[in-house]
Amino acid sequence: MTDLDFAEETLATLQERHPRFHRYAYAFLLDALHTVIGGMREARHISGEELVHGVRDLAMERYGPLARTVLEYWGIHSTEDLGEVVFALVEIGILVKQDEDGLEDFEDLFDFVEVFDHNYPWTAA
């Protein structure tokens, strides 16, 4: 089995178990995690809040003013949804958690409309 076959099989399993999230939601969250880890001076556990802010930043960088629309298309409407994506990845062994990690770590960290629409760093031409 190639890495691509494994990735496709894993994404299919995730989408089957958690159909409300698009397969790209999982891949994007992992990209955000790698971005957060890549910006650290030393390896350590990433908190839910750090990961959520990494998702926010990467979404704004990649998708600009369409960030919220893209995330919502993938089934992600809140920071709590990001937590559910994380724990789906934990469930199948892609990510690991510490004993103190829980879904509550992702509750109400920010409002998507506020961050992606009202506080988007619009620039004037």
PDB file of N, CA and C in Angstrom:
ATOM      1  N   MET A   1       0.853  -1.185   0.000  1.00  0.00           N
ATOM      2  CA  MET A   1       0.000   0.000   0.000  1.00  0.00           C
ATOM      3  C   MET A   1       0.893   1.241   0.000  1.00  0.00           C
ATOM      4  N   THR A   2       0.609   2.155  -0.884  1.00  0.00           N
ATOM      5  CA  THR A   2       1.377   3.395  -0.953  1.00  0.00           C
ATOM      6  C   THR A   2       0.841   4.391   0.071  1.00  0.00           C
ATOM      7  N   ASP A   3       1.609   5.457   0.286  1.00  0.00           N
ATOM      8  CA  ASP A   3       1.160   6.518   1.190  1.00  0.00           C
ATOM      9  C   ASP A   3      -0.147   7.133   0.695  1.00  0.00           C
ATOM     10  N   LEU A   4      -0.256   7.276  -0.624  1.00  0.00           N
ATOM     11  CA  LEU A   4      -1.470   7.849  -1.194  1.00  0.00           C
ATOM     12  C   LEU A   4      -2.669   6.931  -0.965  1.00  0.00           C
ATOM     13  N   ASP A   5      -2.458   5.623  -1.123  1.00  0.00           N
ATOM     14  CA  ASP A   5      -3.537   4.653  -0.863  1.00  0.00           C
ATOM     15  C   ASP A   5      -3.966   4.721   0.600  1.00  0.00           C
ATOM     16  N   PHE A   6      -2.972   4.804   1.497  1.00  0.00           N
ATOM     17  CA  PHE A   6      -3.270   4.907   2.926  1.00  0.00           C
ATOM     18  C   PHE A   6      -4.058   6.169   3.221  1.00  0.00           C
ATOM     19  N   ALA A   7      -3.633   7.280   2.640  1.00  0.00           N
ATOM     20  CA  ALA A   7      -4.319   8.554   2.865  1.00  0.00           C
ATOM     21  C   ALA A   7      -5.756   8.483   2.348  1.00  0.00           C
ATOM     22  N   GLU A   8      -5.950   7.944   1.164  1.00  0.00           N
ATOM     23  CA  GLU A   8      -7.296   7.837   0.594  1.00  0.00           C
ATOM     24  C   GLU A   8      -8.173   6.923   1.444  1.00  0.00           C
ATOM     25  N   GLU A   9      -7.621   5.804   1.884  1.00  0.00           N
ATOM     26  CA  GLU A   9      -8.368   4.868   2.723  1.00  0.00           C
ATOM     27  C   GLU A   9      -8.724   5.508   4.068  1.00  0.00           C
ATOM     28  N   THR A  10      -7.787   6.239   4.638  1.00  0.00           N
ATOM     29  CA  THR A  10      -8.021   6.916   5.915  1.00  0.00           C
ATOM     30  C   THR A  10      -9.099   7.979   5.779  1.00  0.00           C
ATOM     31  N   LEU A  11      -9.019   8.793   4.740  1.00  0.00           N
ATOM     32  CA  LEU A  11     -10.028   9.827   4.516  1.00  0.00           C
ATOM     33  C   LEU A  11     -11.404   9.213   4.277  1.00  0.00           C
ATOM     34  N   ALA A  12     -11.452   8.111   3.567  1.00  0.00           N
ATOM     35  CA  ALA A  12     -12.728   7.428   3.329  1.00  0.00           C
ATOM     36  C   ALA A  12     -13.313   6.907   4.638  1.00  0.00           C
ATOM     37  N   THR A  13     -12.468   6.344   5.498  1.00  0.00           N
ATOM     38  CA  THR A  13     -12.920   5.860   6.806  1.00  0.00           C
ATOM     39  C   THR A  13     -13.444   7.005   7.647  1.00  0.00           C
ATOM     40  N   LEU A  14     -12.724   8.116   7.672  1.00  0.00           N
ATOM     41  CA  LEU A  14     -13.169   9.277   8.442  1.00  0.00           C
ATOM     42  C   LEU A  14     -14.512   9.783   7.938  1.00  0.00           C
ATOM     43  N   GLN A  15     -14.655   9.892   6.637  1.00  0.00           N
ATOM     44  CA  GLN A  15     -15.904  10.415   6.095  1.00  0.00           C
ATOM     45  C   GLN A  15     -17.054   9.447   6.345  1.00  0.00           C
ATOM     46  N   GLU A  16     -16.769   8.165   6.356  1.00  0.00           N
ATOM     47  CA  GLU A  16     -17.818   7.177   6.649  1.00  0.00           C
ATOM     48  C   GLU A  16     -18.262   7.270   8.111  1.00  0.00           C
ATOM     49  N   ARG A  17     -17.312   7.420   9.023  1.00  0.00           N
ATOM     50  CA  ARG A  17     -17.632   7.477  10.456  1.00  0.00           C
ATOM     51  C   ARG A  17     -18.210   8.830  10.872  1.00  0.00           C
ATOM     52  N   HIS A  18     -17.785   9.880  10.209  1.00  0.00           N
ATOM     53  CA  HIS A  18     -18.208  11.246  10.556  1.00  0.00           C
ATOM     54  C   HIS A  18     -18.614  11.979   9.281  1.00  0.00           C
ATOM     55  N   PRO A  19     -19.759  11.621   8.708  1.00  0.00           N
ATOM     56  CA  PRO A  19     -20.132  12.144   7.391  1.00  0.00           C
ATOM     57  C   PRO A  19     -20.442  13.637   7.346  1.00  0.00           C
ATOM     58  N   ARG A  20     -20.620  14.268   8.496  1.00  0.00           N
ATOM     59  CA  ARG A  20     -20.928  15.706   8.437  1.00  0.00           C
ATOM     60  C   ARG A  20     -19.723  16.552   8.056  1.00  0.00           C
ATOM     61  N   PHE A  21     -18.517  15.974   8.125  1.00  0.00           N
ATOM     62  CA  PHE A  21     -17.305  16.703   7.745  1.00  0.00           C
ATOM     63  C   PHE A  21     -16.777  16.181   6.416  1.00  0.00           C
ATOM     64  N   HIS A  22     -16.443  17.094   5.544  1.00  0.00           N
ATOM     65  CA  HIS A  22     -15.847  16.761   4.251  1.00  0.00           C
ATOM     66  C   HIS A  22     -14.440  16.227   4.487  1.00  0.00           C
ATOM     67  N   ARG A  23     -14.013  15.373   3.621  1.00  0.00           N
ATOM     68  CA  ARG A  23     -12.673  14.788   3.750  1.00  0.00           C
ATOM     69  C   ARG A  23     -11.579  15.859   3.776  1.00  0.00           C
ATOM     70  N   TYR A  24     -11.796  16.980   3.076  1.00  0.00           N
ATOM     71  CA  TYR A  24     -10.790  18.042   3.075  1.00  0.00           C
ATOM     72  C   TYR A  24     -10.648  18.703   4.445  1.00  0.00           C
ATOM     73  N   ALA A  25     -11.671  18.623   5.274  1.00  0.00           N
ATOM     74  CA  ALA A  25     -11.585  19.200   6.625  1.00  0.00           C
ATOM     75  C   ALA A  25     -10.461  18.539   7.413  1.00  0.00           C
ATOM     76  N   TYR A  26     -10.343  17.230   7.276  1.00  0.00           N
ATOM     77  CA  TYR A  26      -9.305  16.494   8.010  1.00  0.00           C
ATOM     78  C   TYR A  26      -7.918  16.842   7.482  1.00  0.00           C
ATOM     79  N   ALA A  27      -7.787  16.858   6.173  1.00  0.00           N
ATOM     80  CA  ALA A  27      -6.490  17.180   5.569  1.00  0.00           C
ATOM     81  C   ALA A  27      -6.069  18.605   5.917  1.00  0.00           C
ATOM     82  N   PHE A  28      -7.030  19.535   5.880  1.00  0.00           N
ATOM     83  CA  PHE A  28      -6.707  20.924   6.192  1.00  0.00           C
ATOM     84  C   PHE A  28      -6.287  21.074   7.651  1.00  0.00           C
ATOM     85  N   LEU A  29      -6.996  20.405   8.557  1.00  0.00           N
ATOM     86  CA  LEU A  29      -6.628  20.490   9.969  1.00  0.00           C
ATOM     87  C   LEU A  29      -5.210  19.954  10.181  1.00  0.00           C
ATOM     88  N   LEU A  30      -4.870  18.867   9.510  1.00  0.00           N
ATOM     89  CA  LEU A  30      -3.511  18.331   9.625  1.00  0.00           C
ATOM     90  C   LEU A  30      -2.483  19.292   9.044  1.00  0.00           C
ATOM     91  N   ASP A  31      -2.818  19.961   7.947  1.00  0.00           N
ATOM     92  CA  ASP A  31      -1.925  20.988   7.392  1.00  0.00           C
ATOM     93  C   ASP A  31      -1.713  22.110   8.402  1.00  0.00           C
ATOM     94  N   ALA A  32      -2.797  22.537   9.049  1.00  0.00           N
ATOM     95  CA  ALA A  32      -2.691  23.597  10.056  1.00  0.00           C
ATOM     96  C   ALA A  32      -1.823  23.133  11.226  1.00  0.00           C
ATOM     97  N   LEU A  33      -1.998  21.891  11.642  1.00  0.00           N
ATOM     98  CA  LEU A  33      -1.175  21.354  12.732  1.00  0.00           C
ATOM     99  C   LEU A  33       0.304  21.373  12.348  1.00  0.00           C
ATOM    100  N   HIS A  34       0.608  20.958  11.145  1.00  0.00           N
ATOM    101  CA  HIS A  34       2.010  20.963  10.684  1.00  0.00           C
ATOM    102  C   HIS A  34       2.554  22.385  10.621  1.00  0.00           C
ATOM    103  N   THR A  35       1.726  23.330  10.233  1.00  0.00           N
ATOM    104  CA  THR A  35       2.144  24.731  10.188  1.00  0.00           C
ATOM    105  C   THR A  35       2.455  25.239  11.590  1.00  0.00           C
ATOM    106  N   VAL A  36       1.585  24.931  12.541  1.00  0.00           N
ATOM    107  CA  VAL A  36       1.807  25.354  13.929  1.00  0.00           C
ATOM    108  C   VAL A  36       3.087  24.725  14.469  1.00  0.00           C
ATOM    109  N   ILE A  37       3.241  23.442  14.272  1.00  0.00           N
ATOM    110  CA  ILE A  37       4.434  22.741  14.770  1.00  0.00           C
ATOM    111  C   ILE A  37       5.690  23.290  14.092  1.00  0.00           C
ATOM    112  N   GLY A  38       5.604  23.566  12.800  1.00  0.00           N
ATOM    113  CA  GLY A  38       6.750  24.094  12.057  1.00  0.00           C
ATOM    114  C   GLY A  38       7.203  25.458  12.548  1.00  0.00           C
ATOM    115  N   GLY A  39       6.314  26.207  13.171  1.00  0.00           N
ATOM    116  CA  GLY A  39       6.658  27.529  13.682  1.00  0.00           C
ATOM    117  C   GLY A  39       7.175  27.516  15.109  1.00  0.00           C
ATOM    118  N   MET A  40       7.325  26.330  15.686  1.00  0.00           N
ATOM    119  CA  MET A  40       7.779  26.222  17.076  1.00  0.00           C
ATOM    120  C   MET A  40       9.285  26.013  17.139  1.00  0.00           C
ATOM    121  N   ARG A  41       9.862  26.483  18.208  1.00  0.00           N
ATOM    122  CA  ARG A  41      11.310  26.299  18.393  1.00  0.00           C
ATOM    123  C   ARG A  41      11.658  24.888  18.837  1.00  0.00           C
ATOM    124  N   GLU A  42      10.767  24.278  19.607  1.00  0.00           N
ATOM    125  CA  GLU A  42      11.003  22.907  20.049  1.00  0.00           C
ATOM    126  C   GLU A  42       9.688  22.142  20.036  1.00  0.00           C
ATOM    127  N   ALA A  43       9.784  20.838  19.849  1.00  0.00           N
ATOM    128  CA  ALA A  43       8.582  20.008  19.781  1.00  0.00           C
ATOM    129  C   ALA A  43       7.936  19.897  21.159  1.00  0.00           C
ATOM    130  N   ARG A  44       6.624  20.014  21.167  1.00  0.00           N
ATOM    131  CA  ARG A  44       5.849  19.832  22.393  1.00  0.00           C
ATOM    132  C   ARG A  44       4.397  19.609  22.012  1.00  0.00           C
ATOM    133  N   HIS A  45       3.592  19.282  22.993  1.00  0.00           N
ATOM    134  CA  HIS A  45       2.164  19.075  22.764  1.00  0.00           C
ATOM    135  C   HIS A  45       1.507  20.401  22.378  1.00  0.00           C
ATOM    136  N   ILE A  46       0.602  20.353  21.423  1.00  0.00           N
ATOM    137  CA  ILE A  46      -0.118  21.542  20.965  1.00  0.00           C
ATOM    138  C   ILE A  46      -1.487  21.559  21.651  1.00  0.00           C
ATOM    139  N   SER A  47      -1.848  22.680  22.217  1.00  0.00           N
ATOM    140  CA  SER A  47      -3.163  22.794  22.857  1.00  0.00           C
ATOM    141  C   SER A  47      -4.248  22.951  21.799  1.00  0.00           C
ATOM    142  N   GLY A  48      -5.471  22.677  22.199  1.00  0.00           N
ATOM    143  CA  GLY A  48      -6.597  22.885  21.298  1.00  0.00           C
ATOM    144  C   GLY A  48      -6.667  24.322  20.828  1.00  0.00           C
ATOM    145  N   GLU A  49      -6.438  25.247  21.735  1.00  0.00           N
ATOM    146  CA  GLU A  49      -6.495  26.665  21.377  1.00  0.00           C
ATOM    147  C   GLU A  49      -5.420  27.027  20.355  1.00  0.00           C
ATOM    148  N   GLU A  50      -4.208  26.525  20.540  1.00  0.00           N
ATOM    149  CA  GLU A  50      -3.138  26.800  19.570  1.00  0.00           C
ATOM    150  C   GLU A  50      -3.501  26.254  18.192  1.00  0.00           C
ATOM    151  N   LEU A  51      -4.074  25.051  18.168  1.00  0.00           N
ATOM    152  CA  LEU A  51      -4.435  24.447  16.894  1.00  0.00           C
ATOM    153  C   LEU A  51      -5.561  25.222  16.215  1.00  0.00           C
ATOM    154  N   VAL A  52      -6.564  25.619  16.982  1.00  0.00           N
ATOM    155  CA  VAL A  52      -7.679  26.383  16.424  1.00  0.00           C
ATOM    156  C   VAL A  52      -7.185  27.695  15.822  1.00  0.00           C
ATOM    157  N   HIS A  53      -6.288  28.372  16.507  1.00  0.00           N
ATOM    158  CA  HIS A  53      -5.747  29.619  15.968  1.00  0.00           C
ATOM    159  C   HIS A  53      -4.885  29.348  14.729  1.00  0.00           C
ATOM    160  N   GLY A  54      -4.222  28.214  14.709  1.00  0.00           N
ATOM    161  CA  GLY A  54      -3.479  27.828  13.517  1.00  0.00           C
ATOM    162  C   GLY A  54      -4.392  27.578  12.330  1.00  0.00           C
ATOM    163  N   VAL A  55      -5.539  26.941  12.588  1.00  0.00           N
ATOM    164  CA  VAL A  55      -6.534  26.725  11.526  1.00  0.00           C
ATOM    165  C   VAL A  55      -7.043  28.074  11.027  1.00  0.00           C
ATOM    166  N   ARG A  56      -7.359  28.958  11.946  1.00  0.00           N
ATOM    167  CA  ARG A  56      -7.851  30.299  11.570  1.00  0.00           C
ATOM    168  C   ARG A  56      -6.837  31.005  10.672  1.00  0.00           C
ATOM    169  N   ASP A  57      -5.592  31.028  11.110  1.00  0.00           N
ATOM    170  CA  ASP A  57      -4.555  31.738  10.362  1.00  0.00           C
ATOM    171  C   ASP A  57      -4.320  31.134   8.979  1.00  0.00           C
ATOM    172  N   LEU A  58      -4.265  29.804   8.918  1.00  0.00           N
ATOM    173  CA  LEU A  58      -4.025  29.146   7.638  1.00  0.00           C
ATOM    174  C   LEU A  58      -5.214  29.336   6.694  1.00  0.00           C
ATOM    175  N   ALA A  59      -6.429  29.274   7.231  1.00  0.00           N
ATOM    176  CA  ALA A  59      -7.616  29.489   6.397  1.00  0.00           C
ATOM    177  C   ALA A  59      -7.611  30.895   5.810  1.00  0.00           C
ATOM    178  N   MET A  60      -7.271  31.878   6.624  1.00  0.00           N
ATOM    179  CA  MET A  60      -7.230  33.256   6.126  1.00  0.00           C
ATOM    180  C   MET A  60      -6.119  33.438   5.102  1.00  0.00           C
ATOM    181  N   GLU A  61      -4.997  32.779   5.335  1.00  0.00           N
ATOM    182  CA  GLU A  61      -3.880  32.879   4.390  1.00  0.00           C
ATOM    183  C   GLU A  61      -4.229  32.233   3.053  1.00  0.00           C
ATOM    184  N   ARG A  62      -4.808  31.037   3.096  1.00  0.00           N
ATOM    185  CA  ARG A  62      -5.097  30.301   1.863  1.00  0.00           C
ATOM    186  C   ARG A  62      -6.340  30.789   1.133  1.00  0.00           C
ATOM    187  N   TYR A  63      -7.374  31.119   1.895  1.00  0.00           N
ATOM    188  CA  TYR A  63      -8.673  31.385   1.281  1.00  0.00           C
ATOM    189  C   TYR A  63      -9.158  32.819   1.421  1.00  0.00           C
ATOM    190  N   GLY A  64      -8.396  33.639   2.121  1.00  0.00           N
ATOM    191  CA  GLY A  64      -8.737  35.049   2.248  1.00  0.00           C
ATOM    192  C   GLY A  64     -10.159  35.255   2.735  1.00  0.00           C
ATOM    193  N   PRO A  65     -10.884  36.168   2.101  1.00  0.00           N
ATOM    194  CA  PRO A  65     -12.239  36.477   2.553  1.00  0.00           C
ATOM    195  C   PRO A  65     -13.229  35.316   2.391  1.00  0.00           C
ATOM    196  N   LEU A  66     -12.825  34.255   1.702  1.00  0.00           N
ATOM    197  CA  LEU A  66     -13.686  33.083   1.552  1.00  0.00           C
ATOM    198  C   LEU A  66     -13.414  32.022   2.618  1.00  0.00           C
ATOM    199  N   ALA A  67     -12.558  32.313   3.578  1.00  0.00           N
ATOM    200  CA  ALA A  67     -12.160  31.324   4.584  1.00  0.00           C
ATOM    201  C   ALA A  67     -13.357  30.691   5.284  1.00  0.00           C
ATOM    202  N   ARG A  68     -14.266  31.518   5.779  1.00  0.00           N
ATOM    203  CA  ARG A  68     -15.423  30.964   6.500  1.00  0.00           C
ATOM    204  C   ARG A  68     -16.285  30.120   5.564  1.00  0.00           C
ATOM    205  N   THR A  69     -16.477  30.573   4.349  1.00  0.00           N
ATOM    206  CA  THR A  69     -17.286  29.836   3.380  1.00  0.00           C
ATOM    207  C   THR A  69     -16.688  28.464   3.100  1.00  0.00           C
ATOM    208  N   VAL A  70     -15.386  28.413   2.909  1.00  0.00           N
ATOM    209  CA  VAL A  70     -14.708  27.138   2.638  1.00  0.00           C
ATOM    210  C   VAL A  70     -14.841  26.206   3.841  1.00  0.00           C
ATOM    211  N   LEU A  71     -14.535  26.710   5.032  1.00  0.00           N
ATOM    212  CA  LEU A  71     -14.634  25.868   6.225  1.00  0.00           C
ATOM    213  C   LEU A  71     -16.060  25.367   6.433  1.00  0.00           C
ATOM    214  N   GLU A  72     -17.029  26.228   6.232  1.00  0.00           N
ATOM    215  CA  GLU A  72     -18.419  25.812   6.414  1.00  0.00           C
ATOM    216  C   GLU A  72     -18.841  24.793   5.360  1.00  0.00           C
ATOM    217  N   TYR A  73     -18.334  24.922   4.156  1.00  0.00           N
ATOM    218  CA  TYR A  73     -18.614  23.924   3.120  1.00  0.00           C
ATOM    219  C   TYR A  73     -18.112  22.550   3.560  1.00  0.00           C
ATOM    220  N   TRP A  74     -17.013  22.545   4.287  1.00  0.00           N
ATOM    221  CA  TRP A  74     -16.447  21.294   4.785  1.00  0.00           C
ATOM    222  C   TRP A  74     -17.138  20.808   6.060  1.00  0.00           C
ATOM    223  N   GLY A  75     -18.117  21.555   6.566  1.00  0.00           N
ATOM    224  CA  GLY A  75     -18.845  21.154   7.771  1.00  0.00           C
ATOM    225  C   GLY A  75     -18.332  21.779   9.044  1.00  0.00           C
ATOM    226  N   ILE A  76     -17.396  22.699   8.936  1.00  0.00           N
ATOM    227  CA  ILE A  76     -16.796  23.343  10.113  1.00  0.00           C
ATOM    228  C   ILE A  76     -17.413  24.725  10.270  1.00  0.00           C
ATOM    229  N   HIS A  77     -18.243  24.868  11.299  1.00  0.00           N
ATOM    230  CA  HIS A  77     -18.954  26.119  11.545  1.00  0.00           C
ATOM    231  C   HIS A  77     -18.526  26.789  12.843  1.00  0.00           C
ATOM    232  N   SER A  78     -17.714  26.093  13.627  1.00  0.00           N
ATOM    233  CA  SER A  78     -17.338  26.618  14.945  1.00  0.00           C
ATOM    234  C   SER A  78     -16.044  25.963  15.410  1.00  0.00           C
ATOM    235  N   THR A  79     -15.489  26.518  16.472  1.00  0.00           N
ATOM    236  CA  THR A  79     -14.282  25.915  17.038  1.00  0.00           C
ATOM    237  C   THR A  79     -14.599  24.544  17.638  1.00  0.00           C
ATOM    238  N   GLU A  80     -15.829  24.349  18.086  1.00  0.00           N
ATOM    239  CA  GLU A  80     -16.235  23.038  18.595  1.00  0.00           C
ATOM    240  C   GLU A  80     -16.172  21.988  17.486  1.00  0.00           C
ATOM    241  N   ASP A  81     -16.546  22.376  16.270  1.00  0.00           N
ATOM    242  CA  ASP A  81     -16.446  21.460  15.139  1.00  0.00           C
ATOM    243  C   ASP A  81     -14.991  21.064  14.894  1.00  0.00           C
ATOM    244  N   LEU A  82     -14.084  22.006  15.051  1.00  0.00           N
ATOM    245  CA  LEU A  82     -12.664  21.677  14.901  1.00  0.00           C
ATOM    246  C   LEU A  82     -12.244  20.635  15.931  1.00  0.00           C
ATOM    247  N   GLY A  83     -12.754  20.763  17.137  1.00  0.00           N
ATOM    248  CA  GLY A  83     -12.480  19.763  18.171  1.00  0.00           C
ATOM    249  C   GLY A  83     -12.990  18.387  17.768  1.00  0.00           C
ATOM    250  N   GLU A  84     -14.167  18.340  17.165  1.00  0.00           N
ATOM    251  CA  GLU A  84     -14.706  17.059  16.722  1.00  0.00           C
ATOM    252  C   GLU A  84     -13.859  16.451  15.616  1.00  0.00           C
ATOM    253  N   VAL A  85     -13.330  17.287  14.735  1.00  0.00           N
ATOM    254  CA  VAL A  85     -12.432  16.794  13.687  1.00  0.00           C
ATOM    255  C   VAL A  85     -11.162  16.236  14.332  1.00  0.00           C
ATOM    256  N   VAL A  86     -10.611  16.954  15.297  1.00  0.00           N
ATOM    257  CA  VAL A  86      -9.413  16.483  16.003  1.00  0.00           C
ATOM    258  C   VAL A  86      -9.673  15.126  16.649  1.00  0.00           C
ATOM    259  N   PHE A  87     -10.781  15.005  17.365  1.00  0.00           N
ATOM    260  CA  PHE A  87     -11.034  13.758  18.081  1.00  0.00           C
ATOM    261  C   PHE A  87     -11.417  12.616  17.147  1.00  0.00           C
ATOM    262  N   ALA A  88     -11.920  12.919  15.960  1.00  0.00           N
ATOM    263  CA  ALA A  88     -12.122  11.881  14.943  1.00  0.00           C
ATOM    264  C   ALA A  88     -10.760  11.349  14.499  1.00  0.00           C
ATOM    265  N   LEU A  89      -9.786  12.252  14.350  1.00  0.00           N
ATOM    266  CA  LEU A  89      -8.426  11.851  13.977  1.00  0.00           C
ATOM    267  C   LEU A  89      -7.754  11.076  15.116  1.00  0.00           C
ATOM    268  N   VAL A  90      -8.056  11.429  16.347  1.00  0.00           N
ATOM    269  CA  VAL A  90      -7.543  10.674  17.504  1.00  0.00           C
ATOM    270  C   VAL A  90      -8.153   9.272  17.501  1.00  0.00           C
ATOM    271  N   GLU A  91      -9.444   9.201  17.249  1.00  0.00           N
ATOM    272  CA  GLU A  91     -10.172   7.922  17.264  1.00  0.00           C
ATOM    273  C   GLU A  91      -9.562   6.883  16.332  1.00  0.00           C
ATOM    274  N   ILE A  92      -9.069   7.325  15.180  1.00  0.00           N
ATOM    275  CA  ILE A  92      -8.496   6.347  14.237  1.00  0.00           C
ATOM    276  C   ILE A  92      -6.969   6.264  14.325  1.00  0.00           C
ATOM    277  N   GLY A  93      -6.383   6.952  15.295  1.00  0.00           N
ATOM    278  CA  GLY A  93      -4.957   6.800  15.546  1.00  0.00           C
ATOM    279  C   GLY A  93      -4.039   7.711  14.760  1.00  0.00           C
ATOM    280  N   ILE A  94      -4.575   8.705  14.062  1.00  0.00           N
ATOM    281  CA  ILE A  94      -3.735   9.642  13.311  1.00  0.00           C
ATOM    282  C   ILE A  94      -3.104  10.651  14.257  1.00  0.00           C
ATOM    283  N   LEU A  95      -3.879  11.127  15.227  1.00  0.00           N
ATOM    284  CA  LEU A  95      -3.382  12.042  16.259  1.00  0.00           C
ATOM    285  C   LEU A  95      -3.457  11.343  17.614  1.00  0.00           C
ATOM    286  N   VAL A  96      -2.681  11.835  18.552  1.00  0.00           N
ATOM    287  CA  VAL A  96      -2.740  11.331  19.920  1.00  0.00           C
ATOM    288  C   VAL A  96      -3.128  12.483  20.841  1.00  0.00           C
ATOM    289  N   LYS A  97      -3.710  12.131  21.951  1.00  0.00           N
ATOM    290  CA  LYS A  97      -4.105  13.142  22.926  1.00  0.00           C
ATOM    291  C   LYS A  97      -3.504  12.800  24.273  1.00  0.00           C
ATOM    292  N   GLN A  98      -3.434  13.805  25.106  1.00  0.00           N
ATOM    293  CA  GLN A  98      -3.018  13.587  26.478  1.00  0.00           C
ATOM    294  C   GLN A  98      -4.274  13.374  27.312  1.00  0.00           C
ATOM    295  N   ASP A  99      -4.106  12.804  28.503  1.00  0.00           N
ATOM    296  CA  ASP A  99      -5.254  12.497  29.356  1.00  0.00           C
ATOM    297  C   ASP A  99      -6.133  13.713  29.623  1.00  0.00           C
ATOM    298  N   GLU A 100      -5.524  14.870  29.770  1.00  0.00           N
ATOM    299  CA  GLU A 100      -6.292  16.072  30.108  1.00  0.00           C
ATOM    300  C   GLU A 100      -6.946  16.734  28.896  1.00  0.00           C
ATOM    301  N   ASP A 101      -6.679  16.264  27.690  1.00  0.00           N
ATOM    302  CA  ASP A 101      -7.273  16.842  26.485  1.00  0.00           C
ATOM    303  C   ASP A 101      -8.729  16.403  26.349  1.00  0.00           C
ATOM    304  N   GLY A 102      -9.591  17.354  25.970  1.00  0.00           N
ATOM    305  CA  GLY A 102     -10.996  17.034  25.779  1.00  0.00           C
ATOM    306  C   GLY A 102     -11.659  17.985  24.807  1.00  0.00           C
ATOM    307  N   LEU A 103     -12.858  17.641  24.392  1.00  0.00           N
ATOM    308  CA  LEU A 103     -13.605  18.491  23.470  1.00  0.00           C
ATOM    309  C   LEU A 103     -13.843  19.882  24.039  1.00  0.00           C
ATOM    310  N   GLU A 104     -13.930  19.980  25.356  1.00  0.00           N
ATOM    311  CA  GLU A 104     -14.160  21.292  25.976  1.00  0.00           C
ATOM    312  C   GLU A 104     -13.010  22.263  25.716  1.00  0.00           C
ATOM    313  N   ASP A 105     -11.843  21.756  25.344  1.00  0.00           N
ATOM    314  CA  ASP A 105     -10.711  22.624  25.005  1.00  0.00           C
ATOM    315  C   ASP A 105     -10.979  23.456  23.754  1.00  0.00           C
ATOM    316  N   PHE A 106     -12.007  23.079  23.001  1.00  0.00           N
ATOM    317  CA  PHE A 106     -12.314  23.738  21.735  1.00  0.00           C
ATOM    318  C   PHE A 106     -13.573  24.599  21.803  1.00  0.00           C
ATOM    319  N   GLU A 107     -14.189  24.679  22.971  1.00  0.00           N
ATOM    320  CA  GLU A 107     -15.462  25.392  23.109  1.00  0.00           C
ATOM    321  C   GLU A 107     -15.289  26.904  23.072  1.00  0.00           C
ATOM    322  N   ASP A 108     -16.060  27.544  22.192  1.00  0.00           N
ATOM    323  CA  ASP A 108     -16.181  29.005  22.149  1.00  0.00           C
ATOM    324  C   ASP A 108     -14.853  29.759  22.157  1.00  0.00           C
ATOM    325  N   LEU A 109     -13.893  29.297  21.373  1.00  0.00           N
ATOM    326  CA  LEU A 109     -12.609  29.992  21.321  1.00  0.00           C
ATOM    327  C   LEU A 109     -12.690  31.261  20.487  1.00  0.00           C
ATOM    328  N   PHE A 110     -13.537  31.253  19.477  1.00  0.00           N
ATOM    329  CA  PHE A 110     -13.865  32.465  18.741  1.00  0.00           C
ATOM    330  C   PHE A 110     -15.095  32.201  17.894  1.00  0.00           C
ATOM    331  N   ASP A 111     -15.731  33.265  17.463  1.00  0.00           N
ATOM    332  CA  ASP A 111     -16.909  33.186  16.622  1.00  0.00           C
ATOM    333  C   ASP A 111     -16.472  33.324  15.168  1.00  0.00           C
ATOM    334  N   PHE A 112     -16.885  32.405  14.322  1.00  0.00           N
ATOM    335  CA  PHE A 112     -16.458  32.406  12.930  1.00  0.00           C
ATOM    336  C   PHE A 112     -16.874  33.675  12.189  1.00  0.00           C
ATOM    337  N   VAL A 113     -18.099  34.120  12.375  1.00  0.00           N
ATOM    338  CA  VAL A 113     -18.558  35.325  11.683  1.00  0.00           C
ATOM    339  C   VAL A 113     -17.733  36.524  12.124  1.00  0.00           C
ATOM    340  N   GLU A 114     -17.490  36.626  13.421  1.00  0.00           N
ATOM    341  CA  GLU A 114     -16.712  37.752  13.954  1.00  0.00           C
ATOM    342  C   GLU A 114     -15.290  37.762  13.375  1.00  0.00           C
ATOM    343  N   VAL A 115     -14.628  36.623  13.433  1.00  0.00           N
ATOM    344  CA  VAL A 115     -13.225  36.544  13.007  1.00  0.00           C
ATOM    345  C   VAL A 115     -13.075  36.636  11.489  1.00  0.00           C
ATOM    346  N   PHE A 116     -13.863  35.849  10.766  1.00  0.00           N
ATOM    347  CA  PHE A 116     -13.659  35.756   9.325  1.00  0.00           C
ATOM    348  C   PHE A 116     -14.370  36.848   8.526  1.00  0.00           C
ATOM    349  N   ASP A 117     -15.406  37.440   9.100  1.00  0.00           N
ATOM    350  CA  ASP A 117     -16.147  38.463   8.364  1.00  0.00           C
ATOM    351  C   ASP A 117     -15.905  39.858   8.936  1.00  0.00           C
ATOM    352  N   HIS A 118     -16.264  40.042  10.193  1.00  0.00           N
ATOM    353  CA  HIS A 118     -16.193  41.380  10.790  1.00  0.00           C
ATOM    354  C   HIS A 118     -14.769  41.850  11.076  1.00  0.00           C
ATOM    355  N   ASN A 119     -13.894  40.933  11.487  1.00  0.00           N
ATOM    356  CA  ASN A 119     -12.527  41.328  11.829  1.00  0.00           C
ATOM    357  C   ASN A 119     -11.509  40.906  10.786  1.00  0.00           C
ATOM    358  N   TYR A 120     -11.982  40.522   9.608  1.00  0.00           N
ATOM    359  CA  TYR A 120     -11.036  40.142   8.554  1.00  0.00           C
ATOM    360  C   TYR A 120     -10.164  41.363   8.230  1.00  0.00           C
ATOM    361  N   PRO A 121      -8.865  41.140   8.093  1.00  0.00           N
ATOM    362  CA  PRO A 121      -7.949  42.270   7.833  1.00  0.00           C
ATOM    363  C   PRO A 121      -8.045  42.769   6.389  1.00  0.00           C
ATOM    364  N   TRP A 122      -9.173  43.368   6.082  1.00  0.00           N
ATOM    365  CA  TRP A 122      -9.385  43.908   4.736  1.00  0.00           C
ATOM    366  C   TRP A 122      -8.334  44.963   4.422  1.00  0.00           C
ATOM    367  N   THR A 123      -7.915  44.984   3.213  1.00  0.00           N
ATOM    368  CA  THR A 123      -6.958  46.006   2.795  1.00  0.00           C
ATOM    369  C   THR A 123      -7.567  46.808   1.647  1.00  0.00           C
ATOM    370  N   ALA A 124      -7.323  48.082   1.669  1.00  0.00           N
ATOM    371  CA  ALA A 124      -7.831  48.943   0.594  1.00  0.00           C
ATOM    372  C   ALA A 124      -6.775  49.020  -0.502  1.00  0.00           C
ATOM    373  N   ALA A 125      -7.248  48.968  -1.711  1.00  0.00           N
ATOM    374  CA  ALA A 125      -6.307  49.046  -2.843  1.00  0.00           C
ATOM    375  C   ALA A 125      -5.913  50.480  -3.070  1.00  0.00           C
TER     376      ALA A 125
END
